[in-house]
Amino acid sequence: MDKFVKNCRALLEKITMQYDANWIAFSGGLDSSILGQIKKDQDLNALTIIAKDFIGTDLSYSQIIGKHIGIPLELKYVSINEMLDAIKGTIKILKNFNDIEIRNSIVSYIYLNVLKKKI
């Protein structure tokens, strides 16, 4: 198992080193935590999107993991109106009304719009 884990880490490091992105969408879940750990020494910043009206587990998990691995974490609280606007924007981009695709893409839409304003 150790060899498998080492091989996975080496592969992920090799892949991520090819990209100079210094922001990640960070939920504190498995995927973003692994990426955060691998990229933490490369001037990495993390952004967590939080719904103002429904504080889910992403807030606490992202704060705990961000502190543990030592990456700067920015929180973006979004209102219900911002989420509704994101739904509209997501539908325009996806060109469909598949509720699962829309739901899974809203956070990415908000995340990219936040970063767009930073540049």
PDB file of N, CA and C in Angstrom:
ATOM      1  N   MET A   1       0.820  -1.202   0.000  1.00  0.00           N
ATOM      2  CA  MET A   1       0.000   0.000   0.000  1.00  0.00           C
ATOM      3  C   MET A   1       0.861   1.262   0.000  1.00  0.00           C
ATOM      4  N   ASP A   2       1.966   1.255   0.751  1.00  0.00           N
ATOM      5  CA  ASP A   2       2.849   2.420   0.797  1.00  0.00           C
ATOM      6  C   ASP A   2       3.383   2.771  -0.588  1.00  0.00           C
ATOM      7  N   LYS A   3       3.733   1.747  -1.364  1.00  0.00           N
ATOM      8  CA  LYS A   3       4.252   1.988  -2.707  1.00  0.00           C
ATOM      9  C   LYS A   3       3.172   2.620  -3.582  1.00  0.00           C
ATOM     10  N   PHE A   4       1.946   2.151  -3.443  1.00  0.00           N
ATOM     11  CA  PHE A   4       0.827   2.701  -4.212  1.00  0.00           C
ATOM     12  C   PHE A   4       0.620   4.174  -3.870  1.00  0.00           C
ATOM     13  N   VAL A   5       0.622   4.494  -2.590  1.00  0.00           N
ATOM     14  CA  VAL A   5       0.436   5.878  -2.136  1.00  0.00           C
ATOM     15  C   VAL A   5       1.576   6.757  -2.647  1.00  0.00           C
ATOM     16  N   LYS A   6       2.801   6.273  -2.549  1.00  0.00           N
ATOM     17  CA  LYS A   6       3.955   7.041  -3.036  1.00  0.00           C
ATOM     18  C   LYS A   6       3.858   7.284  -4.538  1.00  0.00           C
ATOM     19  N   ASN A   7       3.436   6.254  -5.280  1.00  0.00           N
ATOM     20  CA  ASN A   7       3.283   6.400  -6.729  1.00  0.00           C
ATOM     21  C   ASN A   7       2.183   7.402  -7.073  1.00  0.00           C
ATOM     22  N   CYS A   8       1.079   7.348  -6.338  1.00  0.00           N
ATOM     23  CA  CYS A   8      -0.019   8.302  -6.559  1.00  0.00           C
ATOM     24  C   CYS A   8       0.446   9.725  -6.284  1.00  0.00           C
ATOM     25  N   ARG A   9       1.142   9.900  -5.173  1.00  0.00           N
ATOM     26  CA  ARG A   9       1.636  11.242  -4.823  1.00  0.00           C
ATOM     27  C   ARG A   9       2.617  11.753  -5.878  1.00  0.00           C
ATOM     28  N   ALA A  10       3.531  10.894  -6.309  1.00  0.00           N
ATOM     29  CA  ALA A  10       4.509  11.297  -7.325  1.00  0.00           C
ATOM     30  C   ALA A  10       3.806  11.702  -8.619  1.00  0.00           C
ATOM     31  N   LEU A  11       2.798  10.946  -9.007  1.00  0.00           N
ATOM     32  CA  LEU A  11       2.050  11.261 -10.225  1.00  0.00           C
ATOM     33  C   LEU A  11       1.310  12.591 -10.079  1.00  0.00           C
ATOM     34  N   LEU A  12       0.649  12.790  -8.943  1.00  0.00           N
ATOM     35  CA  LEU A  12      -0.068  14.045  -8.706  1.00  0.00           C
ATOM     36  C   LEU A  12       0.887  15.236  -8.667  1.00  0.00           C
ATOM     37  N   GLU A  13       2.037  15.064  -8.053  1.00  0.00           N
ATOM     38  CA  GLU A  13       3.035  16.141  -8.016  1.00  0.00           C
ATOM     39  C   GLU A  13       3.521  16.471  -9.423  1.00  0.00           C
ATOM     40  N   LYS A  14       3.782  15.442 -10.206  1.00  0.00           N
ATOM     41  CA  LYS A  14       4.255  15.654 -11.574  1.00  0.00           C
ATOM     42  C   LYS A  14       3.212  16.417 -12.392  1.00  0.00           C
ATOM     43  N   ILE A  15       1.970  16.015 -12.268  1.00  0.00           N
ATOM     44  CA  ILE A  15       0.897  16.661 -13.031  1.00  0.00           C
ATOM     45  C   ILE A  15       0.699  18.104 -12.583  1.00  0.00           C
ATOM     46  N   THR A  16       0.632  18.326 -11.270  1.00  0.00           N
ATOM     47  CA  THR A  16       0.341  19.673 -10.773  1.00  0.00           C
ATOM     48  C   THR A  16       1.503  20.634 -10.981  1.00  0.00           C
ATOM     49  N   MET A  17       2.720  20.136 -11.067  1.00  0.00           N
ATOM     50  CA  MET A  17       3.871  21.009 -11.303  1.00  0.00           C
ATOM     51  C   MET A  17       3.838  21.615 -12.705  1.00  0.00           C
ATOM     52  N   GLN A  18       3.066  21.017 -13.597  1.00  0.00           N
ATOM     53  CA  GLN A  18       2.967  21.520 -14.963  1.00  0.00           C
ATOM     54  C   GLN A  18       2.136  22.798 -15.046  1.00  0.00           C
ATOM     55  N   TYR A  19       1.418  23.128 -13.982  1.00  0.00           N
ATOM     56  CA  TYR A  19       0.520  24.275 -13.983  1.00  0.00           C
ATOM     57  C   TYR A  19       0.944  25.258 -12.904  1.00  0.00           C
ATOM     58  N   ASP A  20       0.938  26.534 -13.246  1.00  0.00           N
ATOM     59  CA  ASP A  20       1.391  27.535 -12.292  1.00  0.00           C
ATOM     60  C   ASP A  20       0.239  28.248 -11.580  1.00  0.00           C
ATOM     61  N   ALA A  21      -0.929  27.668 -11.590  1.00  0.00           N
ATOM     62  CA  ALA A  21      -2.073  28.269 -10.902  1.00  0.00           C
ATOM     63  C   ALA A  21      -1.756  28.416  -9.416  1.00  0.00           C
ATOM     64  N   ASN A  22      -2.130  29.552  -8.863  1.00  0.00           N
ATOM     65  CA  ASN A  22      -1.864  29.753  -7.437  1.00  0.00           C
ATOM     66  C   ASN A  22      -3.144  29.906  -6.620  1.00  0.00           C
ATOM     67  N   TRP A  23      -4.284  29.549  -7.188  1.00  0.00           N
ATOM     68  CA  TRP A  23      -5.561  29.526  -6.467  1.00  0.00           C
ATOM     69  C   TRP A  23      -6.218  28.167  -6.667  1.00  0.00           C
ATOM     70  N   ILE A  24      -6.855  27.679  -5.608  1.00  0.00           N
ATOM     71  CA  ILE A  24      -7.672  26.474  -5.743  1.00  0.00           C
ATOM     72  C   ILE A  24      -9.018  26.711  -5.080  1.00  0.00           C
ATOM     73  N   ALA A  25     -10.033  26.076  -5.655  1.00  0.00           N
ATOM     74  CA  ALA A  25     -11.344  26.031  -5.007  1.00  0.00           C
ATOM     75  C   ALA A  25     -11.194  25.013  -3.883  1.00  0.00           C
ATOM     76  N   PHE A  26     -11.420  25.448  -2.665  1.00  0.00           N
ATOM     77  CA  PHE A  26     -11.058  24.634  -1.504  1.00  0.00           C
ATOM     78  C   PHE A  26     -12.266  24.369  -0.620  1.00  0.00           C
ATOM     79  N   SER A  27     -12.694  23.104  -0.575  1.00  0.00           N
ATOM     80  CA  SER A  27     -13.827  22.730   0.276  1.00  0.00           C
ATOM     81  C   SER A  27     -13.371  22.090   1.581  1.00  0.00           C
ATOM     82  N   GLY A  28     -12.112  21.681   1.621  1.00  0.00           N
ATOM     83  CA  GLY A  28     -11.637  20.934   2.775  1.00  0.00           C
ATOM     84  C   GLY A  28     -11.945  19.454   2.650  1.00  0.00           C
ATOM     85  N   GLY A  29     -12.491  19.065   1.500  1.00  0.00           N
ATOM     86  CA  GLY A  29     -12.751  17.658   1.227  1.00  0.00           C
ATOM     87  C   GLY A  29     -11.483  16.972   0.736  1.00  0.00           C
ATOM     88  N   LEU A  30     -11.606  15.735   0.379  1.00  0.00           N
ATOM     89  CA  LEU A  30     -10.441  14.927   0.017  1.00  0.00           C
ATOM     90  C   LEU A  30      -9.665  15.505  -1.168  1.00  0.00           C
ATOM     91  N   ASP A  31     -10.359  15.801  -2.269  1.00  0.00           N
ATOM     92  CA  ASP A  31      -9.668  16.259  -3.479  1.00  0.00           C
ATOM     93  C   ASP A  31      -8.908  17.558  -3.257  1.00  0.00           C
ATOM     94  N   SER A  32      -9.610  18.571  -2.735  1.00  0.00           N
ATOM     95  CA  SER A  32      -8.947  19.872  -2.572  1.00  0.00           C
ATOM     96  C   SER A  32      -7.891  19.829  -1.470  1.00  0.00           C
ATOM     97  N   SER A  33      -8.074  18.973  -0.474  1.00  0.00           N
ATOM     98  CA  SER A  33      -7.072  18.849   0.594  1.00  0.00           C
ATOM     99  C   SER A  33      -5.781  18.225   0.075  1.00  0.00           C
ATOM    100  N   ILE A  34      -5.911  17.202  -0.755  1.00  0.00           N
ATOM    101  CA  ILE A  34      -4.726  16.570  -1.350  1.00  0.00           C
ATOM    102  C   ILE A  34      -4.000  17.571  -2.242  1.00  0.00           C
ATOM    103  N   LEU A  35      -4.748  18.270  -3.080  1.00  0.00           N
ATOM    104  CA  LEU A  35      -4.136  19.264  -3.958  1.00  0.00           C
ATOM    105  C   LEU A  35      -3.481  20.380  -3.149  1.00  0.00           C
ATOM    106  N   GLY A  36      -4.157  20.832  -2.104  1.00  0.00           N
ATOM    107  CA  GLY A  36      -3.595  21.865  -1.234  1.00  0.00           C
ATOM    108  C   GLY A  36      -2.293  21.426  -0.595  1.00  0.00           C
ATOM    109  N   GLN A  37      -2.245  20.197  -0.134  1.00  0.00           N
ATOM    110  CA  GLN A  37      -1.026  19.663   0.482  1.00  0.00           C
ATOM    111  C   GLN A  37       0.121  19.614  -0.522  1.00  0.00           C
ATOM    112  N   ILE A  38      -0.181  19.171  -1.728  1.00  0.00           N
ATOM    113  CA  ILE A  38       0.853  19.045  -2.755  1.00  0.00           C
ATOM    114  C   ILE A  38       1.371  20.412  -3.202  1.00  0.00           C
ATOM    115  N   LYS A  39       0.487  21.401  -3.326  1.00  0.00           N
ATOM    116  CA  LYS A  39       0.857  22.708  -3.879  1.00  0.00           C
ATOM    117  C   LYS A  39       1.165  23.768  -2.819  1.00  0.00           C
ATOM    118  N   LYS A  40       1.129  23.423  -1.552  1.00  0.00           N
ATOM    119  CA  LYS A  40       1.232  24.428  -0.485  1.00  0.00           C
ATOM    120  C   LYS A  40       2.524  25.238  -0.513  1.00  0.00           C
ATOM    121  N   ASP A  41       3.594  24.688  -1.020  1.00  0.00           N
ATOM    122  CA  ASP A  41       4.868  25.401  -1.051  1.00  0.00           C
ATOM    123  C   ASP A  41       5.070  26.191  -2.343  1.00  0.00           C
ATOM    124  N   GLN A  42       4.016  26.341  -3.126  1.00  0.00           N
ATOM    125  CA  GLN A  42       4.114  27.036  -4.414  1.00  0.00           C
ATOM    126  C   GLN A  42       3.250  28.295  -4.432  1.00  0.00           C
ATOM    127  N   ASP A  43       3.275  29.055  -3.343  1.00  0.00           N
ATOM    128  CA  ASP A  43       2.529  30.308  -3.263  1.00  0.00           C
ATOM    129  C   ASP A  43       1.032  30.088  -3.519  1.00  0.00           C
ATOM    130  N   LEU A  44       0.487  29.059  -2.896  1.00  0.00           N
ATOM    131  CA  LEU A  44      -0.903  28.673  -3.101  1.00  0.00           C
ATOM    132  C   LEU A  44      -1.843  29.489  -2.225  1.00  0.00           C
ATOM    133  N   ASN A  45      -2.984  29.859  -2.791  1.00  0.00           N
ATOM    134  CA  ASN A  45      -4.082  30.481  -2.059  1.00  0.00           C
ATOM    135  C   ASN A  45      -5.313  29.618  -2.261  1.00  0.00           C
ATOM    136  N   ALA A  46      -6.170  29.596  -1.261  1.00  0.00           N
ATOM    137  CA  ALA A  46      -7.380  28.785  -1.339  1.00  0.00           C
ATOM    138  C   ALA A  46      -8.604  29.674  -1.167  1.00  0.00           C
ATOM    139  N   LEU A  47      -9.653  29.343  -1.887  1.00  0.00           N
ATOM    140  CA  LEU A  47     -10.906  30.083  -1.818  1.00  0.00           C
ATOM    141  C   LEU A  47     -12.037  29.104  -1.547  1.00  0.00           C
ATOM    142  N   THR A  48     -12.817  29.400  -0.517  1.00  0.00           N
ATOM    143  CA  THR A  48     -13.971  28.575  -0.180  1.00  0.00           C
ATOM    144  C   THR A  48     -15.230  29.403  -0.373  1.00  0.00           C
ATOM    145  N   ILE A  49     -16.179  28.849  -1.099  1.00  0.00           N
ATOM    146  CA  ILE A  49     -17.463  29.501  -1.341  1.00  0.00           C
ATOM    147  C   ILE A  49     -18.455  28.987  -0.306  1.00  0.00           C
ATOM    148  N   ILE A  50     -19.090  29.921   0.414  1.00  0.00           N
ATOM    149  CA  ILE A  50     -20.027  29.564   1.479  1.00  0.00           C
ATOM    150  C   ILE A  50     -21.357  30.271   1.237  1.00  0.00           C
ATOM    151  N   ALA A  51     -22.450  29.532   1.323  1.00  0.00           N
ATOM    152  CA  ALA A  51     -23.782  30.136   1.223  1.00  0.00           C
ATOM    153  C   ALA A  51     -24.108  30.832   2.543  1.00  0.00           C
ATOM    154  N   LYS A  52     -24.459  32.119   2.471  1.00  0.00           N
ATOM    155  CA  LYS A  52     -24.768  32.887   3.688  1.00  0.00           C
ATOM    156  C   LYS A  52     -25.923  32.281   4.473  1.00  0.00           C
ATOM    157  N   ASP A  53     -26.919  31.788   3.753  1.00  0.00           N
ATOM    158  CA  ASP A  53     -28.136  31.308   4.403  1.00  0.00           C
ATOM    159  C   ASP A  53     -28.085  29.843   4.806  1.00  0.00           C
ATOM    160  N   PHE A  54     -27.032  29.148   4.402  1.00  0.00           N
ATOM    161  CA  PHE A  54     -26.894  27.738   4.767  1.00  0.00           C
ATOM    162  C   PHE A  54     -25.411  27.431   4.937  1.00  0.00           C
ATOM    163  N   ILE A  55     -24.960  27.507   6.158  1.00  0.00           N
ATOM    164  CA  ILE A  55     -23.551  27.234   6.435  1.00  0.00           C
ATOM    165  C   ILE A  55     -23.372  25.719   6.496  1.00  0.00           C
ATOM    166  N   GLY A  56     -22.800  25.166   5.441  1.00  0.00           N
ATOM    167  CA  GLY A  56     -22.579  23.725   5.383  1.00  0.00           C
ATOM    168  C   GLY A  56     -21.251  23.345   6.013  1.00  0.00           C
ATOM    169  N   THR A  57     -20.842  22.138   5.773  1.00  0.00           N
ATOM    170  CA  THR A  57     -19.608  21.621   6.371  1.00  0.00           C
ATOM    171  C   THR A  57     -18.349  22.189   5.725  1.00  0.00           C
ATOM    172  N   ASP A  58     -18.466  22.752   4.519  1.00  0.00           N
ATOM    173  CA  ASP A  58     -17.282  23.293   3.845  1.00  0.00           C
ATOM    174  C   ASP A  58     -16.583  24.358   4.681  1.00  0.00           C
ATOM    175  N   LEU A  59     -17.339  25.160   5.408  1.00  0.00           N
ATOM    176  CA  LEU A  59     -16.729  26.232   6.195  1.00  0.00           C
ATOM    177  C   LEU A  59     -15.766  25.666   7.232  1.00  0.00           C
ATOM    178  N   SER A  60     -16.257  24.766   8.065  1.00  0.00           N
ATOM    179  CA  SER A  60     -15.395  24.238   9.130  1.00  0.00           C
ATOM    180  C   SER A  60     -14.287  23.352   8.573  1.00  0.00           C
ATOM    181  N   TYR A  61     -14.606  22.505   7.600  1.00  0.00           N
ATOM    182  CA  TYR A  61     -13.578  21.625   7.040  1.00  0.00           C
ATOM    183  C   TYR A  61     -12.478  22.421   6.344  1.00  0.00           C
ATOM    184  N   SER A  62     -12.851  23.424   5.565  1.00  0.00           N
ATOM    185  CA  SER A  62     -11.832  24.194   4.857  1.00  0.00           C
ATOM    186  C   SER A  62     -10.942  24.959   5.833  1.00  0.00           C
ATOM    187  N   GLN A  63     -11.522  25.469   6.913  1.00  0.00           N
ATOM    188  CA  GLN A  63     -10.722  26.185   7.909  1.00  0.00           C
ATOM    189  C   GLN A  63      -9.769  25.241   8.645  1.00  0.00           C
ATOM    190  N   ILE A  64     -10.267  24.086   9.026  1.00  0.00           N
ATOM    191  CA  ILE A  64      -9.435  23.110   9.749  1.00  0.00           C
ATOM    192  C   ILE A  64      -8.284  22.628   8.870  1.00  0.00           C
ATOM    193  N   ILE A  65      -8.607  22.188   7.661  1.00  0.00           N
ATOM    194  CA  ILE A  65      -7.579  21.639   6.771  1.00  0.00           C
ATOM    195  C   ILE A  65      -6.629  22.736   6.296  1.00  0.00           C
ATOM    196  N   GLY A  66      -7.170  23.913   5.975  1.00  0.00           N
ATOM    197  CA  GLY A  66      -6.318  25.025   5.551  1.00  0.00           C
ATOM    198  C   GLY A  66      -5.289  25.384   6.608  1.00  0.00           C
ATOM    199  N   LYS A  67      -5.731  25.442   7.855  1.00  0.00           N
ATOM    200  CA  LYS A  67      -4.813  25.748   8.958  1.00  0.00           C
ATOM    201  C   LYS A  67      -3.794  24.618   9.131  1.00  0.00           C
ATOM    202  N   HIS A  68      -4.275  23.380   9.038  1.00  0.00           N
ATOM    203  CA  HIS A  68      -3.401  22.219   9.234  1.00  0.00           C
ATOM    204  C   HIS A  68      -2.277  22.165   8.197  1.00  0.00           C
ATOM    205  N   ILE A  69      -2.612  22.411   6.933  1.00  0.00           N
ATOM    206  CA  ILE A  69      -1.570  22.317   5.905  1.00  0.00           C
ATOM    207  C   ILE A  69      -0.874  23.656   5.667  1.00  0.00           C
ATOM    208  N   GLY A  70      -1.404  24.715   6.257  1.00  0.00           N
ATOM    209  CA  GLY A  70      -0.717  26.004   6.216  1.00  0.00           C
ATOM    210  C   GLY A  70      -0.867  26.786   4.926  1.00  0.00           C
ATOM    211  N   ILE A  71      -2.087  26.831   4.389  1.00  0.00           N
ATOM    212  CA  ILE A  71      -2.317  27.643   3.194  1.00  0.00           C
ATOM    213  C   ILE A  71      -3.275  28.784   3.531  1.00  0.00           C
ATOM    214  N   PRO A  72      -3.061  29.959   2.921  1.00  0.00           N
ATOM    215  CA  PRO A  72      -3.978  31.074   3.150  1.00  0.00           C
ATOM    216  C   PRO A  72      -5.358  30.738   2.590  1.00  0.00           C
ATOM    217  N   LEU A  73      -6.370  31.013   3.376  1.00  0.00           N
ATOM    218  CA  LEU A  73      -7.740  30.681   2.986  1.00  0.00           C
ATOM    219  C   LEU A  73      -8.581  31.946   2.953  1.00  0.00           C
ATOM    220  N   GLU A  74      -9.245  32.148   1.839  1.00  0.00           N
ATOM    221  CA  GLU A  74     -10.183  33.259   1.702  1.00  0.00           C
ATOM    222  C   GLU A  74     -11.589  32.677   1.640  1.00  0.00           C
ATOM    223  N   LEU A  75     -12.499  33.276   2.397  1.00  0.00           N
ATOM    224  CA  LEU A  75     -13.890  32.836   2.394  1.00  0.00           C
ATOM    225  C   LEU A  75     -14.724  33.826   1.600  1.00  0.00           C
ATOM    226  N   LYS A  76     -15.577  33.321   0.740  1.00  0.00           N
ATOM    227  CA  LYS A  76     -16.500  34.154  -0.029  1.00  0.00           C
ATOM    228  C   LYS A  76     -17.909  33.710   0.336  1.00  0.00           C
ATOM    229  N   TYR A  77     -18.616  34.582   1.045  1.00  0.00           N
ATOM    230  CA  TYR A  77     -19.997  34.299   1.416  1.00  0.00           C
ATOM    231  C   TYR A  77     -20.913  34.815   0.310  1.00  0.00           C
ATOM    232  N   VAL A  78     -21.796  33.959  -0.169  1.00  0.00           N
ATOM    233  CA  VAL A  78     -22.708  34.360  -1.240  1.00  0.00           C
ATOM    234  C   VAL A  78     -24.149  34.314  -0.753  1.00  0.00           C
ATOM    235  N   SER A  79     -24.920  35.287  -1.203  1.00  0.00           N
ATOM    236  CA  SER A  79     -26.336  35.374  -0.839  1.00  0.00           C
ATOM    237  C   SER A  79     -27.166  34.490  -1.765  1.00  0.00           C
ATOM    238  N   ILE A  80     -28.420  34.340  -1.434  1.00  0.00           N
ATOM    239  CA  ILE A  80     -29.331  33.560  -2.273  1.00  0.00           C
ATOM    240  C   ILE A  80     -29.459  34.211  -3.647  1.00  0.00           C
ATOM    241  N   ASN A  81     -29.462  35.542  -3.692  1.00  0.00           N
ATOM    242  CA  ASN A  81     -29.547  36.233  -4.982  1.00  0.00           C
ATOM    243  C   ASN A  81     -28.311  35.979  -5.840  1.00  0.00           C
ATOM    244  N   GLU A  82     -27.143  35.953  -5.220  1.00  0.00           N
ATOM    245  CA  GLU A  82     -25.920  35.633  -5.968  1.00  0.00           C
ATOM    246  C   GLU A  82     -25.967  34.203  -6.493  1.00  0.00           C
ATOM    247  N   MET A  83     -26.534  33.298  -5.703  1.00  0.00           N
ATOM    248  CA  MET A  83     -26.653  31.907  -6.155  1.00  0.00           C
ATOM    249  C   MET A  83     -27.630  31.799  -7.320  1.00  0.00           C
ATOM    250  N   LEU A  84     -28.739  32.543  -7.245  1.00  0.00           N
ATOM    251  CA  LEU A  84     -29.705  32.527  -8.349  1.00  0.00           C
ATOM    252  C   LEU A  84     -29.084  33.097  -9.621  1.00  0.00           C
ATOM    253  N   ASP A  85     -28.298  34.161  -9.484  1.00  0.00           N
ATOM    254  CA  ASP A  85     -27.584  34.704 -10.645  1.00  0.00           C
ATOM    255  C   ASP A  85     -26.589  33.685 -11.197  1.00  0.00           C
ATOM    256  N   ALA A  86     -25.937  32.960 -10.304  1.00  0.00           N
ATOM    257  CA  ALA A  86     -24.990  31.921 -10.732  1.00  0.00           C
ATOM    258  C   ALA A  86     -25.710  30.801 -11.474  1.00  0.00           C
ATOM    259  N   ILE A  87     -26.914  30.477 -11.035  1.00  0.00           N
ATOM    260  CA  ILE A  87     -27.703  29.454 -11.739  1.00  0.00           C
ATOM    261  C   ILE A  87     -27.989  29.922 -13.161  1.00  0.00           C
ATOM    262  N   LYS A  88     -28.419  31.174 -13.297  1.00  0.00           N
ATOM    263  CA  LYS A  88     -28.701  31.723 -14.635  1.00  0.00           C
ATOM    264  C   LYS A  88     -27.451  31.695 -15.509  1.00  0.00           C
ATOM    265  N   GLY A  89     -26.334  32.143 -14.952  1.00  0.00           N
ATOM    266  CA  GLY A  89     -25.085  32.148 -15.710  1.00  0.00           C
ATOM    267  C   GLY A  89     -24.629  30.750 -16.081  1.00  0.00           C
ATOM    268  N   THR A  90     -24.807  29.823 -15.168  1.00  0.00           N
ATOM    269  CA  THR A  90     -24.416  28.434 -15.418  1.00  0.00           C
ATOM    270  C   THR A  90     -25.261  27.823 -16.529  1.00  0.00           C
ATOM    271  N   ILE A  91     -26.560  28.102 -16.512  1.00  0.00           N
ATOM    272  CA  ILE A  91     -27.451  27.586 -17.561  1.00  0.00           C
ATOM    273  C   ILE A  91     -27.034  28.138 -18.923  1.00  0.00           C
ATOM    274  N   LYS A  92     -26.681  29.420 -18.967  1.00  0.00           N
ATOM    275  CA  LYS A  92     -26.242  30.016 -20.240  1.00  0.00           C
ATOM    276  C   LYS A  92     -24.995  29.321 -20.772  1.00  0.00           C
ATOM    277  N   ILE A  93     -24.082  29.000 -19.882  1.00  0.00           N
ATOM    278  CA  ILE A  93     -22.837  28.351 -20.304  1.00  0.00           C
ATOM    279  C   ILE A  93     -23.077  26.898 -20.702  1.00  0.00           C
ATOM    280  N   LEU A  94     -23.809  26.166 -19.859  1.00  0.00           N
ATOM    281  CA  LEU A  94     -24.034  24.744 -20.123  1.00  0.00           C
ATOM    282  C   LEU A  94     -25.027  24.507 -21.255  1.00  0.00           C
ATOM    283  N   LYS A  95     -25.907  25.484 -21.458  1.00  0.00           N
ATOM    284  CA  LYS A  95     -26.957  25.374 -22.479  1.00  0.00           C
ATOM    285  C   LYS A  95     -27.859  24.164 -22.248  1.00  0.00           C
ATOM    286  N   ASN A  96     -28.135  23.905 -20.973  1.00  0.00           N
ATOM    287  CA  ASN A  96     -29.109  22.866 -20.644  1.00  0.00           C
ATOM    288  C   ASN A  96     -29.712  23.136 -19.269  1.00  0.00           C
ATOM    289  N   PHE A  97     -30.721  22.364 -18.935  1.00  0.00           N
ATOM    290  CA  PHE A  97     -31.411  22.533 -17.658  1.00  0.00           C
ATOM    291  C   PHE A  97     -31.263  21.299 -16.772  1.00  0.00           C
ATOM    292  N   ASN A  98     -30.190  20.559 -16.959  1.00  0.00           N
ATOM    293  CA  ASN A  98     -29.953  19.372 -16.145  1.00  0.00           C
ATOM    294  C   ASN A  98     -29.633  19.828 -14.722  1.00  0.00           C
ATOM    295  N   ASP A  99     -30.546  19.525 -13.803  1.00  0.00           N
ATOM    296  CA  ASP A  99     -30.404  20.043 -12.437  1.00  0.00           C
ATOM    297  C   ASP A  99     -29.125  19.567 -11.754  1.00  0.00           C
ATOM    298  N   ILE A 100     -28.690  18.368 -12.043  1.00  0.00           N
ATOM    299  CA  ILE A 100     -27.474  17.854 -11.417  1.00  0.00           C
ATOM    300  C   ILE A 100     -26.251  18.601 -11.953  1.00  0.00           C
ATOM    301  N   GLU A 101     -26.185  18.789 -13.260  1.00  0.00           N
ATOM    302  CA  GLU A 101     -25.056  19.527 -13.839  1.00  0.00           C
ATOM    303  C   GLU A 101     -25.028  20.967 -13.347  1.00  0.00           C
ATOM    304  N   ILE A 102     -26.187  21.582 -13.272  1.00  0.00           N
ATOM    305  CA  ILE A 102     -26.267  22.970 -12.810  1.00  0.00           C
ATOM    306  C   ILE A 102     -25.805  23.060 -11.363  1.00  0.00           C
ATOM    307  N   ARG A 103     -26.338  22.191 -10.518  1.00  0.00           N
ATOM    308  CA  ARG A 103     -25.965  22.203  -9.097  1.00  0.00           C
ATOM    309  C   ARG A 103     -24.462  21.985  -8.917  1.00  0.00           C
ATOM    310  N   ASN A 104     -23.903  21.074  -9.695  1.00  0.00           N
ATOM    311  CA  ASN A 104     -22.478  20.775  -9.572  1.00  0.00           C
ATOM    312  C   ASN A 104     -21.580  21.865 -10.151  1.00  0.00           C
ATOM    313  N   SER A 105     -22.134  22.756 -10.952  1.00  0.00           N
ATOM    314  CA  SER A 105     -21.329  23.779 -11.628  1.00  0.00           C
ATOM    315  C   SER A 105     -21.446  25.166 -11.012  1.00  0.00           C
ATOM    316  N   ILE A 106     -22.414  25.382 -10.137  1.00  0.00           N
ATOM    317  CA  ILE A 106     -22.640  26.716  -9.573  1.00  0.00           C
ATOM    318  C   ILE A 106     -21.424  27.216  -8.799  1.00  0.00           C
ATOM    319  N   VAL A 107     -20.854  26.390  -7.949  1.00  0.00           N
ATOM    320  CA  VAL A 107     -19.709  26.825  -7.146  1.00  0.00           C
ATOM    321  C   VAL A 107     -18.530  27.171  -8.051  1.00  0.00           C
ATOM    322  N   SER A 108     -18.295  26.375  -9.077  1.00  0.00           N
ATOM    323  CA  SER A 108     -17.209  26.682 -10.020  1.00  0.00           C
ATOM    324  C   SER A 108     -17.461  28.012 -10.715  1.00  0.00           C
ATOM    325  N   TYR A 109     -18.696  28.261 -11.086  1.00  0.00           N
ATOM    326  CA  TYR A 109     -19.066  29.526 -11.728  1.00  0.00           C
ATOM    327  C   TYR A 109     -18.769  30.703 -10.795  1.00  0.00           C
ATOM    328  N   ILE A 110     -19.199  30.594  -9.547  1.00  0.00           N
ATOM    329  CA  ILE A 110     -18.956  31.664  -8.569  1.00  0.00           C
ATOM    330  C   ILE A 110     -17.457  31.823  -8.332  1.00  0.00           C
ATOM    331  N   TYR A 111     -16.775  30.721  -8.146  1.00  0.00           N
ATOM    332  CA  TYR A 111     -15.328  30.730  -7.909  1.00  0.00           C
ATOM    333  C   TYR A 111     -14.592  31.461  -9.031  1.00  0.00           C
ATOM    334  N   LEU A 112     -14.893  31.105 -10.269  1.00  0.00           N
ATOM    335  CA  LEU A 112     -14.211  31.732 -11.401  1.00  0.00           C
ATOM    336  C   LEU A 112     -14.536  33.216 -11.510  1.00  0.00           C
ATOM    337  N   ASN A 113     -15.768  33.596 -11.189  1.00  0.00           N
ATOM    338  CA  ASN A 113     -16.127  35.017 -11.211  1.00  0.00           C
ATOM    339  C   ASN A 113     -15.404  35.803 -10.123  1.00  0.00           C
ATOM    340  N   VAL A 114     -15.237  35.204  -8.954  1.00  0.00           N
ATOM    341  CA  VAL A 114     -14.489  35.870  -7.878  1.00  0.00           C
ATOM    342  C   VAL A 114     -13.040  36.083  -8.317  1.00  0.00           C
ATOM    343  N   LEU A 115     -12.429  35.055  -8.886  1.00  0.00           N
ATOM    344  CA  LEU A 115     -11.035  35.177  -9.332  1.00  0.00           C
ATOM    345  C   LEU A 115     -10.891  36.157 -10.493  1.00  0.00           C
ATOM    346  N   LYS A 116     -11.884  36.200 -11.361  1.00  0.00           N
ATOM    347  CA  LYS A 116     -11.859  37.136 -12.488  1.00  0.00           C
ATOM    348  C   LYS A 116     -11.761  38.575 -11.986  1.00  0.00           C
ATOM    349  N   LYS A 117     -12.448  38.878 -10.893  1.00  0.00           N
ATOM    350  CA  LYS A 117     -12.420  40.228 -10.323  1.00  0.00           C
ATOM    351  C   LYS A 117     -11.079  40.540  -9.659  1.00  0.00           C
ATOM    352  N   LYS A 118     -10.351  39.516  -9.261  1.00  0.00           N
ATOM    353  CA  LYS A 118      -9.056  39.709  -8.605  1.00  0.00           C
ATOM    354  C   LYS A 118      -7.948  40.028  -9.608  1.00  0.00           C
ATOM    355  N   ILE A 119      -8.144  39.634 -10.831  1.00  0.00           N
ATOM    356  CA  ILE A 119      -7.090  39.784 -11.852  1.00  0.00           C
ATOM    357  C   ILE A 119      -7.144  41.161 -12.488  1.00  0.00           C
TER     358      ILE A 119
END
